Amino acid sequence: TSPREGATLDAGGCVGEDCRIFEVSGKCNLMLEGLALVNGRADQGGAMYVRSGSAKLFDSSISGCNATEQGGGIFSAGGRTTLSNRSYISNCSAPEGKSIYVLA
């Protein structure tokens, strides 16, 4: 569960290789509050891929996510990513950037 005991988005039942929970692009601004993202998987950004726009996690968590390349939890390729107020990433895996991978 998330730090505030909010809702959980669990991609564990997803069939296939790409089971990412969120992808942010364009001028999109995503804000998550009190949410747990669990068991996502993809080549980059198991839980979230931020191409452009912004993603803000407030009082939220990411756990048990995996990427085969980079960013077990989050892959940020050009957007703005913010974690605040007790947000955390745990138990994620990837060859590069187990929790977060930021492409500069």
N, C-alpha and C. Protein backbone atom coordinates (compact mmCIF):
# COMPACT_ATOMS: atom_id res chain seq x y z
N THR A 1 0.84 -1.20 0.00
CA THR A 1 0.00 0.00 0.00
C THR A 1 0.87 1.24 0.00
N SER A 2 0.28 2.35 -0.34
CA SER A 2 1.01 3.60 -0.38
C SER A 2 1.18 4.16 1.03
N PRO A 3 2.02 5.18 1.19
CA PRO A 3 2.22 5.76 2.50
C PRO A 3 0.92 6.23 3.16
N ARG A 4 -0.07 6.65 2.39
CA ARG A 4 -1.32 7.15 2.95
C ARG A 4 -2.44 6.12 2.88
N GLU A 5 -2.10 4.86 2.62
CA GLU A 5 -3.11 3.79 2.55
C GLU A 5 -4.16 4.08 1.48
N GLY A 6 -3.72 4.60 0.35
CA GLY A 6 -4.62 4.89 -0.76
C GLY A 6 -4.78 3.69 -1.67
N ALA A 7 -5.12 3.93 -2.90
CA ALA A 7 -5.36 2.88 -3.88
C ALA A 7 -4.05 2.28 -4.39
N THR A 8 -4.15 1.07 -4.92
CA THR A 8 -3.00 0.37 -5.50
C THR A 8 -3.31 0.02 -6.94
N LEU A 9 -2.37 0.34 -7.84
CA LEU A 9 -2.46 -0.09 -9.24
C LEU A 9 -1.43 -1.20 -9.40
N ASP A 10 -1.91 -2.42 -9.62
CA ASP A 10 -1.07 -3.60 -9.68
C ASP A 10 -1.09 -4.18 -11.09
N ALA A 11 0.08 -4.13 -11.76
CA ALA A 11 0.18 -4.66 -13.13
C ALA A 11 0.56 -6.14 -13.13
N GLY A 12 0.51 -6.79 -11.97
CA GLY A 12 0.92 -8.18 -11.85
C GLY A 12 0.12 -9.14 -12.71
N GLY A 13 -1.12 -8.83 -13.02
CA GLY A 13 -1.94 -9.71 -13.83
C GLY A 13 -1.81 -9.44 -15.32
N CYS A 14 -0.98 -8.49 -15.70
CA CYS A 14 -0.80 -8.13 -17.11
C CYS A 14 -0.09 -9.26 -17.85
N VAL A 15 -0.56 -9.56 -19.06
CA VAL A 15 0.05 -10.59 -19.89
C VAL A 15 0.88 -9.90 -20.97
N GLY A 16 2.09 -10.37 -21.19
CA GLY A 16 2.97 -9.79 -22.20
C GLY A 16 4.20 -9.20 -21.55
N GLU A 17 5.08 -8.66 -22.40
CA GLU A 17 6.34 -8.12 -21.90
C GLU A 17 6.22 -6.68 -21.44
N ASP A 18 5.36 -5.87 -22.05
CA ASP A 18 5.27 -4.45 -21.72
C ASP A 18 4.04 -4.20 -20.86
N CYS A 19 4.25 -4.13 -19.57
CA CYS A 19 3.16 -3.93 -18.61
C CYS A 19 3.44 -2.70 -17.76
N ARG A 20 3.88 -1.63 -18.42
CA ARG A 20 4.15 -0.37 -17.75
C ARG A 20 2.81 0.21 -17.28
N ILE A 21 2.81 0.87 -16.14
CA ILE A 21 1.57 1.39 -15.57
C ILE A 21 1.20 2.76 -16.15
N PHE A 22 2.18 3.67 -16.29
CA PHE A 22 1.91 5.00 -16.85
C PHE A 22 2.98 5.38 -17.87
N GLU A 23 2.56 6.09 -18.92
CA GLU A 23 3.47 6.72 -19.85
C GLU A 23 3.01 8.16 -20.02
N VAL A 24 3.93 9.11 -19.76
CA VAL A 24 3.60 10.53 -19.82
C VAL A 24 4.30 11.14 -21.02
N SER A 25 3.55 11.84 -21.88
CA SER A 25 4.15 12.47 -23.06
C SER A 25 3.37 13.71 -23.46
N GLY A 26 3.91 14.41 -24.45
CA GLY A 26 3.26 15.63 -24.91
C GLY A 26 3.28 16.69 -23.82
N LYS A 27 2.19 17.41 -23.70
CA LYS A 27 2.09 18.46 -22.69
C LYS A 27 1.34 17.98 -21.44
N CYS A 28 1.27 16.67 -21.28
CA CYS A 28 0.55 16.07 -20.16
C CYS A 28 1.26 16.37 -18.83
N ASN A 29 0.48 16.64 -17.81
CA ASN A 29 0.99 16.81 -16.45
C ASN A 29 0.24 15.85 -15.55
N LEU A 30 0.94 14.80 -15.12
CA LEU A 30 0.34 13.76 -14.29
C LEU A 30 0.70 14.01 -12.83
N MET A 31 -0.30 13.99 -11.95
CA MET A 31 -0.04 14.11 -10.52
C MET A 31 -0.73 12.95 -9.81
N LEU A 32 0.05 12.18 -9.07
CA LEU A 32 -0.48 11.05 -8.31
C LEU A 32 -0.33 11.35 -6.82
N GLU A 33 -1.39 11.11 -6.09
CA GLU A 33 -1.35 11.34 -4.64
C GLU A 33 -1.93 10.13 -3.92
N GLY A 34 -1.17 9.60 -2.96
CA GLY A 34 -1.64 8.49 -2.16
C GLY A 34 -1.87 7.22 -2.95
N LEU A 35 -0.99 6.94 -3.91
CA LEU A 35 -1.18 5.81 -4.80
C LEU A 35 0.05 4.91 -4.77
N ALA A 36 -0.17 3.62 -4.83
CA ALA A 36 0.92 2.65 -4.92
C ALA A 36 0.91 2.03 -6.30
N LEU A 37 2.07 2.06 -6.98
CA LEU A 37 2.24 1.43 -8.29
C LEU A 37 3.10 0.19 -8.07
N VAL A 38 2.58 -0.98 -8.40
CA VAL A 38 3.31 -2.21 -8.12
C VAL A 38 3.33 -3.16 -9.33
N ASN A 39 4.42 -3.93 -9.41
CA ASN A 39 4.58 -5.03 -10.38
C ASN A 39 4.53 -4.62 -11.84
N GLY A 40 4.92 -3.40 -12.16
CA GLY A 40 5.01 -3.00 -13.57
C GLY A 40 6.27 -3.55 -14.19
N ARG A 41 6.25 -3.74 -15.50
CA ARG A 41 7.46 -4.20 -16.18
C ARG A 41 7.46 -3.73 -17.63
N ALA A 42 8.66 -3.40 -18.11
CA ALA A 42 8.84 -2.92 -19.48
C ALA A 42 10.34 -2.91 -19.77
N ASP A 43 10.71 -2.53 -20.99
CA ASP A 43 12.13 -2.42 -21.29
C ASP A 43 12.75 -1.21 -20.59
N GLN A 44 12.02 -0.10 -20.53
CA GLN A 44 12.46 1.10 -19.84
C GLN A 44 11.30 1.64 -19.01
N GLY A 45 11.54 1.89 -17.73
CA GLY A 45 10.50 2.42 -16.86
C GLY A 45 9.43 1.39 -16.55
N GLY A 46 9.70 0.52 -15.60
CA GLY A 46 8.75 -0.53 -15.26
C GLY A 46 7.40 0.00 -14.81
N ALA A 47 7.40 1.05 -13.99
CA ALA A 47 6.14 1.65 -13.53
C ALA A 47 5.76 2.85 -14.38
N MET A 48 6.75 3.66 -14.77
CA MET A 48 6.43 4.92 -15.43
C MET A 48 7.54 5.33 -16.41
N TYR A 49 7.14 5.78 -17.59
CA TYR A 49 8.05 6.34 -18.59
C TYR A 49 7.61 7.78 -18.81
N VAL A 50 8.49 8.73 -18.51
CA VAL A 50 8.18 10.15 -18.69
C VAL A 50 8.95 10.64 -19.91
N ARG A 51 8.26 10.75 -21.05
CA ARG A 51 8.89 11.21 -22.30
C ARG A 51 9.00 12.72 -22.33
N SER A 52 7.95 13.39 -21.93
CA SER A 52 7.88 14.85 -21.87
C SER A 52 6.73 15.19 -20.93
N GLY A 53 6.48 16.47 -20.73
CA GLY A 53 5.46 16.85 -19.76
C GLY A 53 6.03 16.68 -18.36
N SER A 54 5.18 16.37 -17.40
CA SER A 54 5.67 16.19 -16.03
C SER A 54 4.88 15.12 -15.29
N ALA A 55 5.58 14.51 -14.34
CA ALA A 55 4.96 13.52 -13.46
C ALA A 55 5.34 13.88 -12.02
N LYS A 56 4.33 14.03 -11.16
CA LYS A 56 4.57 14.35 -9.76
C LYS A 56 3.94 13.28 -8.90
N LEU A 57 4.74 12.68 -8.03
CA LEU A 57 4.25 11.68 -7.09
C LEU A 57 4.29 12.30 -5.70
N PHE A 58 3.15 12.37 -5.07
CA PHE A 58 3.01 12.98 -3.75
C PHE A 58 2.45 11.92 -2.81
N ASP A 59 3.20 11.57 -1.78
CA ASP A 59 2.74 10.58 -0.81
C ASP A 59 2.40 9.25 -1.50
N SER A 60 3.24 8.84 -2.45
CA SER A 60 2.98 7.64 -3.25
C SER A 60 4.20 6.72 -3.24
N SER A 61 4.02 5.50 -3.74
CA SER A 61 5.12 4.55 -3.77
C SER A 61 5.14 3.75 -5.06
N ILE A 62 6.33 3.28 -5.40
CA ILE A 62 6.54 2.38 -6.53
C ILE A 62 7.33 1.20 -5.99
N SER A 63 6.85 -0.02 -6.22
CA SER A 63 7.58 -1.18 -5.71
C SER A 63 7.36 -2.41 -6.59
N GLY A 64 8.36 -3.30 -6.55
CA GLY A 64 8.28 -4.56 -7.27
C GLY A 64 8.24 -4.42 -8.78
N CYS A 65 8.76 -3.33 -9.32
CA CYS A 65 8.74 -3.11 -10.77
C CYS A 65 10.10 -3.46 -11.37
N ASN A 66 10.10 -3.84 -12.66
CA ASN A 66 11.31 -4.28 -13.33
C ASN A 66 11.39 -3.72 -14.74
N ALA A 67 12.63 -3.43 -15.16
CA ALA A 67 12.90 -3.03 -16.54
C ALA A 67 14.05 -3.87 -17.06
N THR A 68 13.98 -4.28 -18.32
CA THR A 68 15.04 -5.09 -18.89
C THR A 68 16.24 -4.25 -19.30
N GLU A 69 16.06 -2.92 -19.42
CA GLU A 69 17.16 -2.04 -19.82
C GLU A 69 17.47 -1.00 -18.73
N GLN A 70 16.63 0.04 -18.60
CA GLN A 70 16.89 1.11 -17.63
C GLN A 70 15.63 1.50 -16.88
N GLY A 71 15.84 1.97 -15.66
CA GLY A 71 14.75 2.53 -14.87
C GLY A 71 13.75 1.51 -14.38
N GLY A 72 14.13 0.71 -13.41
CA GLY A 72 13.21 -0.29 -12.87
C GLY A 72 11.90 0.31 -12.41
N GLY A 73 11.96 1.46 -11.75
CA GLY A 73 10.76 2.16 -11.31
C GLY A 73 10.31 3.21 -12.31
N ILE A 74 11.21 4.17 -12.60
CA ILE A 74 10.88 5.30 -13.49
C ILE A 74 12.01 5.51 -14.50
N PHE A 75 11.65 5.75 -15.75
CA PHE A 75 12.58 6.17 -16.79
C PHE A 75 12.15 7.56 -17.21
N SER A 76 13.01 8.55 -17.03
CA SER A 76 12.68 9.93 -17.40
C SER A 76 13.57 10.35 -18.56
N ALA A 77 12.96 10.56 -19.73
CA ALA A 77 13.71 10.83 -20.95
C ALA A 77 13.64 12.27 -21.42
N GLY A 78 13.00 13.14 -20.70
CA GLY A 78 12.93 14.51 -21.17
C GLY A 78 11.90 15.33 -20.44
N GLY A 79 11.06 14.69 -19.70
CA GLY A 79 10.07 15.40 -18.91
C GLY A 79 10.62 15.72 -17.53
N ARG A 80 9.76 16.25 -16.69
CA ARG A 80 10.13 16.59 -15.32
C ARG A 80 9.47 15.59 -14.38
N THR A 81 10.26 15.00 -13.49
CA THR A 81 9.75 14.00 -12.56
C THR A 81 10.05 14.45 -11.13
N THR A 82 9.03 14.46 -10.28
CA THR A 82 9.17 14.91 -8.90
C THR A 82 8.55 13.90 -7.95
N LEU A 83 9.29 13.53 -6.92
CA LEU A 83 8.78 12.70 -5.83
C LEU A 83 8.85 13.53 -4.56
N SER A 84 7.74 13.62 -3.83
CA SER A 84 7.75 14.43 -2.62
C SER A 84 6.86 13.85 -1.54
N ASN A 85 7.01 14.38 -0.34
CA ASN A 85 6.20 14.05 0.83
C ASN A 85 6.05 12.56 1.05
N ARG A 86 7.13 11.91 1.42
CA ARG A 86 7.15 10.49 1.76
C ARG A 86 6.99 9.56 0.57
N SER A 87 7.13 10.03 -0.64
CA SER A 87 7.10 9.13 -1.80
C SER A 87 8.41 8.35 -1.83
N TYR A 88 8.34 7.09 -2.27
CA TYR A 88 9.55 6.29 -2.33
C TYR A 88 9.44 5.22 -3.41
N ILE A 89 10.62 4.70 -3.80
CA ILE A 89 10.71 3.60 -4.75
C ILE A 89 11.51 2.50 -4.07
N SER A 90 10.98 1.28 -4.07
CA SER A 90 11.68 0.17 -3.41
C SER A 90 11.51 -1.14 -4.18
N ASN A 91 12.46 -2.01 -4.01
CA ASN A 91 12.41 -3.36 -4.56
C ASN A 91 12.16 -3.40 -6.07
N CYS A 92 12.78 -2.48 -6.79
CA CYS A 92 12.69 -2.46 -8.26
C CYS A 92 14.05 -2.89 -8.82
N SER A 93 14.06 -3.37 -10.06
CA SER A 93 15.32 -3.82 -10.63
C SER A 93 15.43 -3.46 -12.11
N ALA A 94 16.68 -3.24 -12.53
CA ALA A 94 17.03 -2.97 -13.93
C ALA A 94 18.56 -3.03 -14.02
N PRO A 95 19.11 -3.36 -15.19
CA PRO A 95 20.57 -3.35 -15.33
C PRO A 95 21.17 -1.96 -15.07
N GLU A 96 20.45 -0.89 -15.42
CA GLU A 96 20.90 0.48 -15.17
C GLU A 96 19.77 1.25 -14.51
N GLY A 97 20.03 1.86 -13.38
CA GLY A 97 19.04 2.66 -12.68
C GLY A 97 17.94 1.80 -12.07
N LYS A 98 18.26 1.10 -11.02
CA LYS A 98 17.29 0.19 -10.41
C LYS A 98 15.99 0.89 -10.00
N SER A 99 16.09 2.10 -9.47
CA SER A 99 14.91 2.86 -9.07
C SER A 99 14.50 3.86 -10.14
N ILE A 100 15.44 4.76 -10.48
CA ILE A 100 15.17 5.82 -11.46
C ILE A 100 16.34 5.93 -12.42
N TYR A 101 16.02 6.11 -13.71
CA TYR A 101 17.04 6.38 -14.71
C TYR A 101 16.65 7.69 -15.38
N VAL A 102 17.54 8.68 -15.34
CA VAL A 102 17.28 9.99 -15.95
C VAL A 102 18.19 10.14 -17.14
N LEU A 103 17.61 10.30 -18.31
CA LEU A 103 18.36 10.50 -19.54
C LEU A 103 18.64 12.00 -19.67
N ALA A 104 19.90 12.37 -19.56
CA ALA A 104 20.26 13.79 -19.56
C ALA A 104 20.34 14.35 -20.96
